[in-house]
Amino acid sequence: QVQLVESGGGLVQAGGSLTLSCAASGFTLEQYAIGWFRQVPGKEREGVTIARTTADSAYYADSVKDRFTFSSDDAANVVYLRMHTLKPEDTAVYYCATPGYLTGNYCPRTARAYDHWGQGTQVTVSS
């Protein structure tokens, strides 16, 4: 059974840093694409960074490029989202997700392509 558990959210001042973790079980990270998404009330879930852990590069939303980094520890089956220079507009609930099916080298960028989600972790950036 595929499970994803996020941790590491919290309150941070603007300009600060935070690292989120996503522990995966029921599959190995090398199998499927992994995405970090975020959502604020009243808005659609937004893809922040998405990748295959076996790939050399990741997709980043324009709003987080050069500030956020996708990484993984495949041996531990954990994915990380390292966030730097945080802004108040980064405030959201952050989710990790996987399609749970093979997509080849393609990493879907829309939330509806992802069948498995963690419970989410709140990130609040104060100004």
N, C-alpha and C. Protein backbone atom coordinates (compact mmCIF):
# COMPACT_ATOMS: atom_id res chain seq x y z
N GLN A 1 0.84 -1.19 0.00
CA GLN A 1 0.00 0.00 0.00
C GLN A 1 0.89 1.24 0.00
N VAL A 2 0.66 2.11 -0.97
CA VAL A 2 1.46 3.33 -1.07
C VAL A 2 1.07 4.30 0.04
N GLN A 3 2.08 4.77 0.76
CA GLN A 3 1.85 5.77 1.79
C GLN A 3 2.92 6.84 1.71
N LEU A 4 2.53 8.08 1.98
CA LEU A 4 3.44 9.21 2.00
C LEU A 4 3.17 10.01 3.27
N VAL A 5 4.21 10.32 4.00
CA VAL A 5 4.05 11.06 5.25
C VAL A 5 5.00 12.24 5.25
N GLU A 6 4.43 13.45 5.24
CA GLU A 6 5.24 14.66 5.26
C GLU A 6 5.53 15.09 6.69
N SER A 7 6.63 15.80 6.86
CA SER A 7 6.98 16.40 8.14
C SER A 7 7.88 17.60 7.87
N GLY A 8 8.03 18.43 8.91
CA GLY A 8 8.99 19.53 8.82
C GLY A 8 8.38 20.90 8.64
N GLY A 9 7.07 20.97 8.52
CA GLY A 9 6.45 22.28 8.37
C GLY A 9 6.54 23.09 9.65
N GLY A 10 6.16 24.36 9.56
CA GLY A 10 6.19 25.20 10.74
C GLY A 10 6.10 26.66 10.38
N LEU A 11 6.41 27.49 11.37
CA LEU A 11 6.37 28.93 11.21
C LEU A 11 7.80 29.45 11.06
N VAL A 12 8.02 30.28 10.07
CA VAL A 12 9.35 30.82 9.82
C VAL A 12 9.21 32.26 9.36
N GLN A 13 10.19 33.07 9.67
CA GLN A 13 10.17 34.46 9.23
C GLN A 13 10.57 34.56 7.76
N ALA A 14 10.10 35.60 7.11
CA ALA A 14 10.48 35.84 5.72
C ALA A 14 12.01 35.91 5.61
N GLY A 15 12.52 35.29 4.57
CA GLY A 15 13.97 35.21 4.38
C GLY A 15 14.60 33.98 4.98
N GLY A 16 13.83 33.25 5.78
CA GLY A 16 14.34 32.06 6.44
C GLY A 16 14.29 30.82 5.57
N SER A 17 14.66 29.71 6.19
CA SER A 17 14.72 28.44 5.47
C SER A 17 13.97 27.36 6.23
N LEU A 18 13.56 26.35 5.49
CA LEU A 18 12.84 25.23 6.08
C LEU A 18 13.05 24.03 5.16
N THR A 19 13.15 22.85 5.74
CA THR A 19 13.25 21.63 4.94
C THR A 19 12.10 20.70 5.29
N LEU A 20 11.36 20.31 4.28
CA LEU A 20 10.28 19.35 4.45
C LEU A 20 10.77 17.96 4.06
N SER A 21 10.26 16.95 4.72
CA SER A 21 10.58 15.55 4.40
C SER A 21 9.31 14.82 4.03
N CYS A 22 9.46 13.84 3.18
CA CYS A 22 8.34 12.98 2.79
C CYS A 22 8.85 11.54 2.81
N ALA A 23 8.38 10.78 3.78
CA ALA A 23 8.75 9.37 3.89
C ALA A 23 7.77 8.53 3.09
N ALA A 24 8.31 7.77 2.16
CA ALA A 24 7.48 6.95 1.29
C ALA A 24 7.55 5.48 1.70
N SER A 25 6.44 4.79 1.54
CA SER A 25 6.41 3.35 1.78
C SER A 25 5.44 2.71 0.80
N GLY A 26 5.60 1.42 0.60
CA GLY A 26 4.74 0.70 -0.34
C GLY A 26 5.25 0.73 -1.76
N PHE A 27 6.31 1.47 -2.00
CA PHE A 27 6.95 1.52 -3.31
C PHE A 27 8.35 2.08 -3.08
N THR A 28 9.20 1.97 -4.09
CA THR A 28 10.51 2.60 -4.00
C THR A 28 10.52 3.86 -4.86
N LEU A 29 11.27 4.85 -4.41
CA LEU A 29 11.25 6.16 -5.06
C LEU A 29 11.66 6.07 -6.53
N GLU A 30 12.50 5.10 -6.85
CA GLU A 30 12.97 5.00 -8.24
C GLU A 30 11.84 4.62 -9.20
N GLN A 31 10.75 4.08 -8.66
CA GLN A 31 9.69 3.58 -9.53
C GLN A 31 8.87 4.68 -10.19
N TYR A 32 8.51 5.71 -9.42
CA TYR A 32 7.51 6.66 -9.90
C TYR A 32 8.00 8.10 -9.75
N ALA A 33 7.36 8.99 -10.47
CA ALA A 33 7.59 10.40 -10.26
C ALA A 33 7.13 10.81 -8.87
N ILE A 34 7.77 11.82 -8.34
CA ILE A 34 7.41 12.36 -7.02
C ILE A 34 7.24 13.87 -7.17
N GLY A 35 6.18 14.38 -6.61
CA GLY A 35 5.94 15.81 -6.69
C GLY A 35 5.69 16.42 -5.33
N TRP A 36 6.14 17.65 -5.20
CA TRP A 36 5.76 18.49 -4.06
C TRP A 36 4.75 19.51 -4.60
N PHE A 37 3.61 19.58 -3.94
CA PHE A 37 2.55 20.52 -4.30
C PHE A 37 2.24 21.38 -3.08
N ARG A 38 1.58 22.48 -3.34
CA ARG A 38 1.12 23.30 -2.22
C ARG A 38 -0.26 23.87 -2.55
N GLN A 39 -0.97 24.18 -1.49
CA GLN A 39 -2.33 24.67 -1.67
C GLN A 39 -2.68 25.68 -0.59
N VAL A 40 -3.30 26.76 -1.02
CA VAL A 40 -3.87 27.74 -0.10
C VAL A 40 -5.37 27.70 -0.26
N PRO A 41 -6.12 28.09 0.77
CA PRO A 41 -7.58 28.03 0.68
C PRO A 41 -8.10 28.80 -0.52
N GLY A 42 -9.03 28.17 -1.23
CA GLY A 42 -9.66 28.84 -2.36
C GLY A 42 -8.90 28.74 -3.67
N LYS A 43 -7.73 28.10 -3.64
CA LYS A 43 -6.93 27.98 -4.86
C LYS A 43 -6.66 26.52 -5.16
N GLU A 44 -6.35 26.26 -6.43
CA GLU A 44 -6.01 24.90 -6.82
C GLU A 44 -4.64 24.51 -6.28
N ARG A 45 -4.46 23.20 -6.15
CA ARG A 45 -3.17 22.70 -5.71
C ARG A 45 -2.14 22.96 -6.81
N GLU A 46 -1.01 23.54 -6.42
CA GLU A 46 0.02 23.98 -7.36
C GLU A 46 1.24 23.07 -7.29
N GLY A 47 1.74 22.66 -8.43
CA GLY A 47 2.97 21.88 -8.46
C GLY A 47 4.17 22.78 -8.18
N VAL A 48 4.94 22.46 -7.17
CA VAL A 48 6.09 23.26 -6.76
C VAL A 48 7.37 22.71 -7.40
N THR A 49 7.61 21.44 -7.20
CA THR A 49 8.74 20.78 -7.84
C THR A 49 8.39 19.31 -8.03
N ILE A 50 8.78 18.78 -9.16
CA ILE A 50 8.41 17.42 -9.53
C ILE A 50 9.60 16.77 -10.22
N ALA A 51 9.84 15.52 -9.91
CA ALA A 51 11.02 14.86 -10.49
C ALA A 51 10.92 13.35 -10.38
N ARG A 52 11.79 12.70 -11.11
CA ARG A 52 12.12 11.31 -10.86
C ARG A 52 13.42 11.35 -10.07
N THR A 53 13.52 10.56 -9.02
CA THR A 53 14.75 10.61 -8.22
C THR A 53 15.95 10.06 -9.01
N THR A 54 15.65 9.35 -10.09
CA THR A 54 16.72 8.83 -10.94
C THR A 54 17.18 9.83 -11.99
N ALA A 55 16.52 10.97 -12.08
CA ALA A 55 16.85 11.96 -13.11
C ALA A 55 17.88 12.97 -12.60
N ASP A 56 18.50 13.68 -13.53
CA ASP A 56 19.52 14.67 -13.18
C ASP A 56 18.92 16.02 -12.85
N SER A 57 17.67 16.24 -13.23
CA SER A 57 17.08 17.55 -13.02
C SER A 57 15.64 17.41 -12.59
N ALA A 58 15.08 18.49 -12.10
CA ALA A 58 13.70 18.52 -11.63
C ALA A 58 12.98 19.71 -12.26
N TYR A 59 11.67 19.60 -12.29
CA TYR A 59 10.84 20.74 -12.67
C TYR A 59 10.61 21.61 -11.45
N TYR A 60 10.70 22.93 -11.63
CA TYR A 60 10.38 23.88 -10.57
C TYR A 60 9.40 24.91 -11.11
N ALA A 61 8.41 25.23 -10.33
CA ALA A 61 7.54 26.34 -10.68
C ALA A 61 8.36 27.63 -10.69
N ASP A 62 7.99 28.55 -11.57
CA ASP A 62 8.74 29.80 -11.68
C ASP A 62 8.84 30.53 -10.34
N SER A 63 7.79 30.42 -9.54
CA SER A 63 7.73 31.15 -8.29
C SER A 63 8.74 30.66 -7.25
N VAL A 64 9.31 29.47 -7.46
CA VAL A 64 10.23 28.91 -6.46
C VAL A 64 11.62 28.63 -7.02
N LYS A 65 11.82 28.88 -8.31
CA LYS A 65 13.12 28.60 -8.92
C LYS A 65 14.22 29.36 -8.19
N ASP A 66 15.33 28.69 -8.01
CA ASP A 66 16.53 29.23 -7.34
C ASP A 66 16.34 29.42 -5.84
N ARG A 67 15.18 29.05 -5.31
CA ARG A 67 14.96 29.13 -3.86
C ARG A 67 14.66 27.76 -3.25
N PHE A 68 14.01 26.88 -4.01
CA PHE A 68 13.63 25.56 -3.52
C PHE A 68 14.46 24.50 -4.23
N THR A 69 14.72 23.41 -3.52
CA THR A 69 15.50 22.31 -4.10
C THR A 69 14.86 20.97 -3.78
N PHE A 70 14.68 20.18 -4.81
CA PHE A 70 14.19 18.80 -4.67
C PHE A 70 15.39 17.89 -4.47
N SER A 71 15.32 17.01 -3.47
CA SER A 71 16.38 16.02 -3.30
C SER A 71 15.77 14.76 -2.68
N SER A 72 16.56 13.71 -2.68
CA SER A 72 16.04 12.45 -2.13
C SER A 72 17.16 11.62 -1.56
N ASP A 73 16.79 10.76 -0.65
CA ASP A 73 17.66 9.71 -0.12
C ASP A 73 16.97 8.41 -0.50
N ASP A 74 17.36 7.87 -1.64
CA ASP A 74 16.67 6.69 -2.14
C ASP A 74 16.84 5.48 -1.24
N ALA A 75 17.97 5.39 -0.58
CA ALA A 75 18.19 4.25 0.33
C ALA A 75 17.20 4.28 1.49
N ALA A 76 16.89 5.49 1.94
CA ALA A 76 15.95 5.65 3.05
C ALA A 76 14.51 5.83 2.57
N ASN A 77 14.35 5.95 1.25
CA ASN A 77 13.02 6.17 0.65
C ASN A 77 12.38 7.46 1.15
N VAL A 78 13.17 8.52 1.21
CA VAL A 78 12.71 9.82 1.70
C VAL A 78 13.02 10.89 0.66
N VAL A 79 12.06 11.76 0.44
CA VAL A 79 12.21 12.90 -0.45
C VAL A 79 12.22 14.17 0.38
N TYR A 80 13.01 15.14 -0.05
CA TYR A 80 13.12 16.40 0.69
C TYR A 80 12.75 17.58 -0.20
N LEU A 81 12.24 18.60 0.43
CA LEU A 81 12.05 19.89 -0.23
C LEU A 81 12.75 20.92 0.65
N ARG A 82 13.87 21.39 0.13
CA ARG A 82 14.65 22.39 0.86
C ARG A 82 14.24 23.77 0.36
N MET A 83 13.78 24.59 1.27
CA MET A 83 13.23 25.90 0.90
C MET A 83 14.07 27.01 1.54
N HIS A 84 14.51 27.93 0.72
CA HIS A 84 15.34 29.05 1.19
C HIS A 84 14.70 30.37 0.77
N THR A 85 15.13 31.43 1.41
CA THR A 85 14.64 32.77 1.10
C THR A 85 13.11 32.76 1.02
N LEU A 86 12.51 32.23 2.05
CA LEU A 86 11.06 32.08 2.05
C LEU A 86 10.35 33.42 2.07
N LYS A 87 9.20 33.45 1.41
CA LYS A 87 8.39 34.66 1.30
C LYS A 87 7.00 34.40 1.89
N PRO A 88 6.32 35.44 2.33
CA PRO A 88 4.96 35.23 2.86
C PRO A 88 4.05 34.51 1.87
N GLU A 89 4.26 34.72 0.57
CA GLU A 89 3.41 34.06 -0.42
C GLU A 89 3.72 32.57 -0.56
N ASP A 90 4.74 32.09 0.12
CA ASP A 90 5.00 30.65 0.15
C ASP A 90 4.15 29.94 1.19
N THR A 91 3.42 30.72 2.00
CA THR A 91 2.56 30.13 3.01
C THR A 91 1.50 29.26 2.36
N ALA A 92 1.42 28.01 2.79
CA ALA A 92 0.50 27.05 2.20
C ALA A 92 0.61 25.73 2.96
N VAL A 93 -0.29 24.82 2.64
CA VAL A 93 -0.12 23.43 3.06
C VAL A 93 0.65 22.73 1.93
N TYR A 94 1.72 22.07 2.30
CA TYR A 94 2.59 21.40 1.33
C TYR A 94 2.33 19.90 1.38
N TYR A 95 2.22 19.32 0.19
CA TYR A 95 1.95 17.89 0.06
C TYR A 95 3.01 17.25 -0.82
N CYS A 96 3.36 16.02 -0.51
CA CYS A 96 4.09 15.23 -1.49
C CYS A 96 3.11 14.22 -2.08
N ALA A 97 3.40 13.81 -3.30
CA ALA A 97 2.47 12.95 -4.01
C ALA A 97 3.20 12.12 -5.05
N THR A 98 2.60 11.01 -5.41
CA THR A 98 3.12 10.20 -6.49
C THR A 98 1.96 9.69 -7.33
N PRO A 99 2.17 9.59 -8.65
CA PRO A 99 1.09 9.02 -9.46
C PRO A 99 0.75 7.60 -9.04
N GLY A 100 1.80 6.84 -8.62
CA GLY A 100 1.58 5.45 -8.24
C GLY A 100 1.49 4.53 -9.44
N TYR A 101 1.83 5.07 -10.61
CA TYR A 101 1.88 4.24 -11.81
C TYR A 101 3.03 4.77 -12.67
N LEU A 102 3.45 3.94 -13.61
CA LEU A 102 4.61 4.28 -14.42
C LEU A 102 4.26 5.40 -15.40
N THR A 103 5.14 6.41 -15.46
CA THR A 103 4.97 7.49 -16.42
C THR A 103 6.21 7.64 -17.30
N GLY A 104 7.10 6.64 -17.24
CA GLY A 104 8.34 6.73 -17.99
C GLY A 104 9.20 7.85 -17.45
N ASN A 105 9.84 8.59 -18.32
CA ASN A 105 10.65 9.73 -17.89
C ASN A 105 9.83 11.00 -17.72
N TYR A 106 8.56 10.92 -18.05
CA TYR A 106 7.70 12.09 -17.95
C TYR A 106 7.18 12.23 -16.53
N CYS A 107 7.23 13.46 -16.02
CA CYS A 107 6.72 13.75 -14.68
C CYS A 107 5.50 14.66 -14.81
N PRO A 108 4.32 14.14 -14.56
CA PRO A 108 3.11 14.97 -14.70
C PRO A 108 3.18 16.20 -13.80
N ARG A 109 2.65 17.30 -14.28
CA ARG A 109 2.73 18.55 -13.51
C ARG A 109 1.39 18.97 -12.95
N THR A 110 0.34 18.21 -13.24
CA THR A 110 -0.98 18.56 -12.72
C THR A 110 -1.37 17.61 -11.60
N ALA A 111 -2.02 18.14 -10.60
CA ALA A 111 -2.37 17.36 -9.42
C ALA A 111 -3.27 16.17 -9.75
N ARG A 112 -4.11 16.33 -10.76
CA ARG A 112 -5.06 15.25 -11.04
C ARG A 112 -4.38 13.98 -11.53
N ALA A 113 -3.12 14.08 -11.93
CA ALA A 113 -2.39 12.89 -12.39
C ALA A 113 -1.84 12.07 -11.23
N TYR A 114 -1.97 12.58 -10.01
CA TYR A 114 -1.37 11.95 -8.84
C TYR A 114 -2.45 11.25 -8.02
N ASP A 115 -2.27 9.96 -7.82
CA ASP A 115 -3.27 9.17 -7.12
C ASP A 115 -3.01 9.02 -5.63
N HIS A 116 -1.78 9.30 -5.20
CA HIS A 116 -1.43 9.07 -3.80
C HIS A 116 -0.84 10.35 -3.20
N TRP A 117 -1.37 10.73 -2.05
CA TRP A 117 -1.00 11.99 -1.41
C TRP A 117 -0.70 11.78 0.07
N GLY A 118 0.21 12.58 0.57
CA GLY A 118 0.41 12.63 2.01
C GLY A 118 -0.68 13.48 2.66
N GLN A 119 -0.58 13.60 3.96
CA GLN A 119 -1.60 14.34 4.71
C GLN A 119 -1.37 15.84 4.65
N GLY A 120 -0.20 16.26 4.23
CA GLY A 120 0.12 17.68 4.14
C GLY A 120 0.77 18.20 5.40
N THR A 121 1.58 19.24 5.23
CA THR A 121 2.22 19.90 6.37
C THR A 121 2.15 21.41 6.14
N GLN A 122 1.77 22.14 7.17
CA GLN A 122 1.56 23.57 7.04
C GLN A 122 2.89 24.32 7.12
N VAL A 123 3.08 25.22 6.18
CA VAL A 123 4.22 26.14 6.21
C VAL A 123 3.65 27.55 6.26
N THR A 124 4.07 28.29 7.26
CA THR A 124 3.62 29.67 7.42
C THR A 124 4.84 30.58 7.48
N VAL A 125 4.87 31.56 6.58
CA VAL A 125 5.98 32.50 6.51
C VAL A 125 5.46 33.86 6.94
N SER A 126 6.01 34.37 8.02
CA SER A 126 5.58 35.67 8.53
C SER A 126 6.43 36.79 7.93
N SER A 127 5.80 37.93 7.76
CA SER A 127 6.52 39.08 7.16
C SER A 127 7.19 39.92 8.23
